[in-house]
Amino acid sequence: MSSLASALRKGTREQKEAELANVVAWLVTRANINNVDLTKALEAKYAKGCPGSAHLASTRNPRA
């Protein structure tokens, strides 16, 4: 995760994309190893929006 943190702090767009892709691949692999259906888990948690705000999409400004 330290390479992700570094990329997010001061990396290029390409470095950020590559590191985030690594995290997603790691997460999907861990879910598969543990017989977790990520689609089902995400739908159960977020189908009605963010549990904290109930918004269907993030309203946070990523550049703020």
Protein backbone atom coordinates (compact mmCIF):
# COMPACT_ATOMS: atom_id res chain seq x y z
CA MET A 1 0.00 0.00 0.00
CA SER A 2 2.91 2.38 0.41
CA SER A 3 3.40 2.56 -3.37
CA LEU A 4 -0.27 3.51 -3.70
CA ALA A 5 0.10 6.22 -1.08
CA SER A 6 3.19 7.57 -2.82
CA ALA A 7 1.51 7.53 -6.23
CA LEU A 8 -1.57 9.30 -4.88
CA ARG A 9 0.54 11.96 -3.20
CA LYS A 10 2.97 12.77 -5.98
CA GLY A 11 2.63 10.34 -8.86
CA THR A 12 1.59 10.92 -12.43
CA ARG A 13 -1.91 10.01 -13.57
CA GLU A 14 -0.48 6.82 -15.11
CA GLN A 15 1.22 5.85 -11.83
CA LYS A 16 -1.99 6.45 -9.89
CA GLU A 17 -3.95 4.34 -12.36
CA ALA A 18 -1.41 1.51 -12.20
CA GLU A 19 -1.33 1.46 -8.40
CA LEU A 20 -5.11 1.59 -8.07
CA ALA A 21 -5.37 -1.26 -10.58
CA ASN A 22 -2.97 -3.26 -8.40
CA VAL A 23 -5.18 -2.67 -5.35
CA VAL A 24 -8.32 -3.74 -7.22
CA ALA A 25 -6.59 -6.88 -8.52
CA TRP A 26 -5.39 -7.71 -4.99
CA LEU A 27 -8.87 -7.15 -3.56
CA VAL A 28 -10.59 -9.30 -6.20
CA THR A 29 -8.04 -12.07 -5.65
CA ARG A 30 -8.61 -12.01 -1.88
CA ALA A 31 -12.37 -12.09 -2.39
CA ASN A 32 -12.07 -15.09 -4.71
CA ILE A 33 -9.77 -16.96 -2.32
CA ASN A 34 -12.31 -16.42 0.46
CA ASN A 35 -15.37 -17.26 -1.65
CA VAL A 36 -16.77 -13.73 -1.35
CA ASP A 37 -19.02 -12.54 -4.18
CA LEU A 38 -17.96 -8.90 -4.49
CA THR A 39 -20.87 -8.00 -6.75
CA LYS A 40 -23.33 -9.31 -4.20
CA ALA A 41 -21.47 -7.64 -1.31
CA LEU A 42 -21.35 -4.27 -3.08
CA GLU A 43 -25.00 -4.43 -4.06
CA ALA A 44 -26.00 -5.32 -0.50
CA LYS A 45 -24.04 -2.43 0.95
CA TYR A 46 -24.41 0.29 -1.70
CA ALA A 47 -27.51 -0.42 -3.83
CA LYS A 48 -29.41 2.31 -2.00
CA GLY A 49 -26.46 4.69 -2.02
CA CYS A 50 -23.67 5.48 0.37
CA PRO A 51 -24.55 4.24 3.86
CA GLY A 52 -23.28 7.51 5.33
CA SER A 53 -24.92 9.99 2.99
CA ALA A 54 -27.49 7.95 1.02
CA HIS A 55 -26.21 9.57 -2.19
CA LEU A 56 -26.01 7.23 -5.19
CA ALA A 57 -22.81 8.91 -6.37
CA SER A 58 -20.09 10.72 -4.53
CA THR A 59 -20.80 14.41 -4.22
CA ARG A 60 -17.33 15.11 -2.85
CA ASN A 61 -15.16 17.27 -5.06
CA PRO A 62 -12.02 15.16 -5.66
CA ARG A 63 -9.99 18.30 -6.39
CA ALA A 64 -10.98 20.13 -3.20
